[in-house]
Amino acid sequence: MTYLRPNSNKTSLSFLLIGLLTVLLLMVFWSVNVYNQTVNLRHDLSASEQKLQELKVANADIKNTLYQAVDSQVLTALGEERGLMKVKSPDYIQVDGSWSVVSASQL
């Protein structure tokens, strides 16, 4: 006598197909998510590069302004404007190297 169980093969096959479809759907959602993150990262990188270029230009302008402000001709003109004169042979203070130490309690 033969026992026929036609539903037993179909149920195991259907569970396998449902499992494979679930894994496939999860992989599709995961790959779409990774793609979106990659695109967002590229946009952020592009915006950061543009901001970096703007900061480089601003830094160059600041350096240019600083170099113009400390130019020797500008400083000489500023000194003459304020009534200062250029001394050809200045007298310097000579220090013998022995400094006397005074503490605050001796004052």
N, C-alpha and C. Protein backbone atom coordinates (compact mmCIF):
# COMPACT_ATOMS: atom_id res chain seq x y z
N MET A 1 0.82 -1.16 0.00
CA MET A 1 0.00 0.00 0.00
C MET A 1 0.89 1.25 0.00
N THR A 2 0.52 2.19 -0.81
CA THR A 2 1.30 3.41 -0.95
C THR A 2 0.52 4.57 -0.36
N TYR A 3 1.26 5.31 0.45
CA TYR A 3 0.63 6.52 1.01
C TYR A 3 1.10 7.73 0.19
N LEU A 4 0.19 8.47 -0.27
CA LEU A 4 0.51 9.66 -1.06
C LEU A 4 0.35 10.90 -0.18
N ARG A 5 1.37 11.73 -0.20
CA ARG A 5 1.30 13.00 0.51
C ARG A 5 1.67 14.11 -0.46
N PRO A 6 0.75 14.54 -1.25
CA PRO A 6 1.08 15.54 -2.26
C PRO A 6 1.34 16.92 -1.66
N ASN A 7 0.81 17.29 -0.54
CA ASN A 7 0.96 18.63 0.04
C ASN A 7 2.30 18.80 0.76
N SER A 8 2.94 17.71 1.17
CA SER A 8 4.18 17.86 1.94
C SER A 8 5.30 18.44 1.09
N ASN A 9 5.42 18.10 -0.15
CA ASN A 9 6.46 18.65 -1.02
C ASN A 9 6.17 20.11 -1.36
N LYS A 10 4.94 20.45 -1.54
CA LYS A 10 4.57 21.82 -1.89
C LYS A 10 4.81 22.77 -0.72
N THR A 11 4.56 22.35 0.48
CA THR A 11 4.75 23.25 1.62
C THR A 11 6.22 23.53 1.86
N SER A 12 7.07 22.55 1.77
CA SER A 12 8.50 22.81 1.97
C SER A 12 9.06 23.67 0.84
N LEU A 13 8.58 23.44 -0.37
CA LEU A 13 9.01 24.25 -1.50
C LEU A 13 8.49 25.69 -1.37
N SER A 14 7.27 25.87 -0.90
CA SER A 14 6.74 27.22 -0.74
C SER A 14 7.47 27.98 0.39
N PHE A 15 7.84 27.29 1.46
CA PHE A 15 8.60 27.95 2.53
C PHE A 15 9.97 28.37 2.01
N LEU A 16 10.58 27.54 1.19
CA LEU A 16 11.88 27.88 0.61
C LEU A 16 11.75 29.08 -0.32
N LEU A 17 10.72 29.11 -1.15
CA LEU A 17 10.51 30.25 -2.05
C LEU A 17 10.21 31.53 -1.28
N ILE A 18 9.41 31.44 -0.25
CA ILE A 18 9.10 32.63 0.57
C ILE A 18 10.37 33.14 1.24
N GLY A 19 11.19 32.23 1.73
CA GLY A 19 12.46 32.63 2.34
C GLY A 19 13.39 33.30 1.35
N LEU A 20 13.51 32.74 0.18
CA LEU A 20 14.37 33.32 -0.86
C LEU A 20 13.86 34.68 -1.33
N LEU A 21 12.55 34.81 -1.47
CA LEU A 21 11.98 36.11 -1.85
C LEU A 21 12.20 37.15 -0.77
N THR A 22 12.09 36.73 0.49
CA THR A 22 12.33 37.66 1.60
C THR A 22 13.78 38.13 1.59
N VAL A 23 14.70 37.21 1.41
CA VAL A 23 16.12 37.58 1.34
C VAL A 23 16.37 38.48 0.14
N LEU A 24 15.78 38.18 -0.99
CA LEU A 24 15.95 39.01 -2.18
C LEU A 24 15.41 40.42 -1.95
N LEU A 25 14.24 40.55 -1.35
CA LEU A 25 13.68 41.87 -1.06
C LEU A 25 14.56 42.65 -0.08
N LEU A 26 15.06 41.97 0.93
CA LEU A 26 15.95 42.64 1.87
C LEU A 26 17.23 43.13 1.18
N MET A 27 17.76 42.33 0.29
CA MET A 27 18.96 42.74 -0.44
C MET A 27 18.67 43.92 -1.36
N VAL A 28 17.50 43.95 -1.98
CA VAL A 28 17.12 45.08 -2.84
C VAL A 28 17.01 46.36 -2.02
N PHE A 29 16.32 46.30 -0.88
CA PHE A 29 16.19 47.49 -0.03
C PHE A 29 17.54 47.94 0.49
N TRP A 30 18.38 46.99 0.84
CA TRP A 30 19.71 47.34 1.35
C TRP A 30 20.54 48.02 0.25
N SER A 31 20.50 47.49 -0.97
CA SER A 31 21.28 48.08 -2.05
C SER A 31 20.77 49.47 -2.42
N VAL A 32 19.46 49.69 -2.38
CA VAL A 32 18.92 51.03 -2.64
C VAL A 32 19.37 52.00 -1.54
N ASN A 33 19.38 51.54 -0.31
CA ASN A 33 19.82 52.38 0.80
C ASN A 33 21.30 52.74 0.65
N VAL A 34 22.13 51.78 0.30
CA VAL A 34 23.56 52.05 0.09
C VAL A 34 23.76 53.03 -1.06
N TYR A 35 22.99 52.87 -2.12
CA TYR A 35 23.09 53.79 -3.26
C TYR A 35 22.71 55.22 -2.84
N ASN A 36 21.63 55.37 -2.07
CA ASN A 36 21.22 56.69 -1.60
C ASN A 36 22.29 57.32 -0.71
N GLN A 37 22.88 56.53 0.14
CA GLN A 37 23.94 57.06 1.01
C GLN A 37 25.14 57.50 0.19
N THR A 38 25.47 56.74 -0.86
CA THR A 38 26.59 57.10 -1.72
C THR A 38 26.31 58.41 -2.46
N VAL A 39 25.11 58.57 -2.97
CA VAL A 39 24.76 59.80 -3.68
C VAL A 39 24.79 60.99 -2.71
N ASN A 40 24.24 60.82 -1.51
CA ASN A 40 24.28 61.90 -0.52
C ASN A 40 25.71 62.26 -0.14
N LEU A 41 26.56 61.26 -0.02
CA LEU A 41 27.96 61.52 0.30
C LEU A 41 28.65 62.29 -0.81
N ARG A 42 28.35 61.96 -2.05
CA ARG A 42 28.95 62.69 -3.17
C ARG A 42 28.48 64.15 -3.19
N HIS A 43 27.21 64.39 -2.90
CA HIS A 43 26.71 65.77 -2.85
C HIS A 43 27.37 66.54 -1.70
N ASP A 44 27.49 65.92 -0.55
CA ASP A 44 28.15 66.57 0.58
C ASP A 44 29.61 66.87 0.28
N LEU A 45 30.27 65.93 -0.39
CA LEU A 45 31.67 66.13 -0.76
C LEU A 45 31.82 67.28 -1.74
N SER A 46 30.92 67.38 -2.69
CA SER A 46 30.96 68.47 -3.66
C SER A 46 30.74 69.82 -2.97
N ALA A 47 29.79 69.87 -2.06
CA ALA A 47 29.54 71.11 -1.32
C ALA A 47 30.73 71.48 -0.45
N SER A 48 31.37 70.48 0.15
CA SER A 48 32.54 70.75 0.99
C SER A 48 33.71 71.25 0.17
N GLU A 49 33.89 70.70 -1.03
CA GLU A 49 34.96 71.17 -1.90
C GLU A 49 34.72 72.62 -2.32
N GLN A 50 33.49 72.97 -2.60
CA GLN A 50 33.17 74.34 -2.97
C GLN A 50 33.43 75.28 -1.80
N LYS A 51 33.05 74.88 -0.60
CA LYS A 51 33.29 75.70 0.58
C LYS A 51 34.79 75.85 0.83
N LEU A 52 35.55 74.78 0.59
CA LEU A 52 37.00 74.85 0.75
C LEU A 52 37.62 75.84 -0.21
N GLN A 53 37.15 75.86 -1.45
CA GLN A 53 37.66 76.82 -2.42
C GLN A 53 37.34 78.25 -2.00
N GLU A 54 36.14 78.47 -1.47
CA GLU A 54 35.77 79.81 -1.00
C GLU A 54 36.66 80.23 0.16
N LEU A 55 36.95 79.30 1.06
CA LEU A 55 37.82 79.62 2.20
C LEU A 55 39.26 79.89 1.75
N LYS A 56 39.72 79.18 0.72
CA LYS A 56 41.06 79.44 0.19
C LYS A 56 41.14 80.84 -0.40
N VAL A 57 40.10 81.25 -1.10
CA VAL A 57 40.08 82.60 -1.68
C VAL A 57 40.05 83.65 -0.57
N ALA A 58 39.24 83.41 0.45
CA ALA A 58 39.17 84.36 1.57
C ALA A 58 40.52 84.42 2.29
N ASN A 59 41.18 83.28 2.46
CA ASN A 59 42.48 83.25 3.11
C ASN A 59 43.51 84.02 2.30
N ALA A 60 43.47 83.89 0.98
CA ALA A 60 44.40 84.62 0.12
C ALA A 60 44.16 86.13 0.23
N ASP A 61 42.90 86.54 0.30
CA ASP A 61 42.59 87.97 0.46
C ASP A 61 43.10 88.50 1.79
N ILE A 62 42.94 87.72 2.86
CA ILE A 62 43.42 88.15 4.17
C ILE A 62 44.94 88.25 4.18
N LYS A 63 45.61 87.27 3.58
CA LYS A 63 47.08 87.32 3.52
C LYS A 63 47.54 88.53 2.70
N ASN A 64 46.86 88.81 1.60
CA ASN A 64 47.22 89.95 0.78
C ASN A 64 47.07 91.25 1.57
N THR A 65 45.98 91.37 2.31
CA THR A 65 45.77 92.57 3.13
C THR A 65 46.84 92.69 4.20
N LEU A 66 47.20 91.57 4.83
CA LEU A 66 48.24 91.59 5.86
C LEU A 66 49.59 91.98 5.28
N TYR A 67 49.95 91.42 4.14
CA TYR A 67 51.24 91.74 3.53
C TYR A 67 51.29 93.21 3.09
N GLN A 68 50.15 93.73 2.64
CA GLN A 68 50.13 95.15 2.28
C GLN A 68 50.26 96.03 3.52
N ALA A 69 49.71 95.59 4.65
CA ALA A 69 49.75 96.40 5.87
C ALA A 69 51.14 96.42 6.48
N VAL A 70 51.92 95.36 6.35
CA VAL A 70 53.25 95.32 6.97
C VAL A 70 54.36 95.56 5.96
N ASP A 71 54.02 96.10 4.80
CA ASP A 71 55.03 96.45 3.81
C ASP A 71 55.91 97.56 4.37
N SER A 72 57.20 97.50 4.08
CA SER A 72 58.14 98.47 4.66
C SER A 72 57.84 99.89 4.20
N GLN A 73 57.41 100.08 2.97
CA GLN A 73 57.10 101.43 2.48
C GLN A 73 55.87 101.99 3.21
N VAL A 74 54.88 101.12 3.45
CA VAL A 74 53.67 101.57 4.15
C VAL A 74 54.02 101.93 5.60
N LEU A 75 54.86 101.11 6.24
CA LEU A 75 55.24 101.40 7.63
C LEU A 75 56.09 102.66 7.72
N THR A 76 56.95 102.89 6.76
CA THR A 76 57.75 104.12 6.75
C THR A 76 56.85 105.33 6.58
N ALA A 77 55.89 105.27 5.67
CA ALA A 77 54.96 106.38 5.46
C ALA A 77 54.12 106.61 6.71
N LEU A 78 53.71 105.55 7.39
CA LEU A 78 52.92 105.69 8.61
C LEU A 78 53.75 106.35 9.72
N GLY A 79 55.02 105.98 9.83
CA GLY A 79 55.89 106.60 10.82
C GLY A 79 56.10 108.08 10.55
N GLU A 80 56.30 108.44 9.29
CA GLU A 80 56.47 109.85 8.94
C GLU A 80 55.18 110.62 9.19
N GLU A 81 54.05 110.01 8.94
CA GLU A 81 52.76 110.66 9.18
C GLU A 81 52.55 110.94 10.67
N ARG A 82 53.04 110.06 11.51
CA ARG A 82 52.88 110.22 12.96
C ARG A 82 53.99 111.05 13.59
N GLY A 83 54.89 111.55 12.80
CA GLY A 83 55.94 112.43 13.32
C GLY A 83 57.18 111.69 13.79
N LEU A 84 57.37 110.48 13.40
CA LEU A 84 58.56 109.73 13.77
C LEU A 84 59.65 109.96 12.74
N MET A 85 60.89 109.87 13.16
CA MET A 85 62.00 110.05 12.24
C MET A 85 62.88 108.81 12.24
N LYS A 86 63.49 108.58 11.11
CA LYS A 86 64.37 107.43 10.97
C LYS A 86 65.75 107.83 11.45
N VAL A 87 66.28 107.05 12.39
CA VAL A 87 67.60 107.34 12.96
C VAL A 87 68.63 106.51 12.19
N LYS A 88 69.67 107.19 11.72
CA LYS A 88 70.68 106.51 10.90
C LYS A 88 71.59 105.63 11.75
N SER A 89 72.00 106.14 12.93
CA SER A 89 72.88 105.35 13.81
C SER A 89 72.28 105.35 15.22
N PRO A 90 71.45 104.36 15.52
CA PRO A 90 70.80 104.34 16.83
C PRO A 90 71.77 103.89 17.93
N ASP A 91 71.50 104.36 19.16
CA ASP A 91 72.27 103.93 20.34
C ASP A 91 71.49 102.83 21.03
N TYR A 92 72.15 101.72 21.23
CA TYR A 92 71.51 100.58 21.87
C TYR A 92 71.95 100.49 23.32
N ILE A 93 71.10 99.94 24.16
CA ILE A 93 71.43 99.71 25.56
C ILE A 93 72.29 98.46 25.64
N GLN A 94 73.40 98.55 26.35
CA GLN A 94 74.29 97.40 26.53
C GLN A 94 73.98 96.76 27.87
N VAL A 95 73.77 95.47 27.87
CA VAL A 95 73.49 94.72 29.09
C VAL A 95 74.64 93.75 29.30
N ASP A 96 75.17 93.73 30.55
CA ASP A 96 76.33 92.88 30.82
C ASP A 96 75.96 91.42 31.08
N GLY A 97 74.73 91.12 31.18
CA GLY A 97 74.31 89.73 31.32
C GLY A 97 74.00 89.33 32.75
N SER A 98 74.35 90.15 33.72
CA SER A 98 74.02 89.79 35.10
C SER A 98 72.80 90.58 35.54
N TRP A 99 71.72 89.95 35.65
CA TRP A 99 70.47 90.59 36.01
C TRP A 99 70.27 90.44 37.51
N SER A 100 69.88 91.48 38.14
CA SER A 100 69.60 91.39 39.57
C SER A 100 68.16 90.95 39.74
N VAL A 101 67.98 89.98 40.63
CA VAL A 101 66.65 89.42 40.83
C VAL A 101 66.02 90.12 42.02
N VAL A 102 64.84 90.63 41.80
CA VAL A 102 64.10 91.31 42.86
C VAL A 102 62.77 90.59 43.02
N SER A 103 62.49 90.18 44.23
CA SER A 103 61.19 89.52 44.45
C SER A 103 60.17 90.55 44.90
N ALA A 104 58.94 90.20 44.82
CA ALA A 104 57.87 91.12 45.18
C ALA A 104 57.87 91.40 46.68
N SER A 105 58.40 90.49 47.49
CA SER A 105 58.39 90.71 48.94
C SER A 105 59.43 91.74 49.37
N GLN A 106 60.43 92.03 48.54
CA GLN A 106 61.46 92.99 48.89
C GLN A 106 61.04 94.41 48.55
N LEU A 107 59.97 94.58 47.87
CA LEU A 107 59.52 95.92 47.50
C LEU A 107 58.90 96.61 48.62
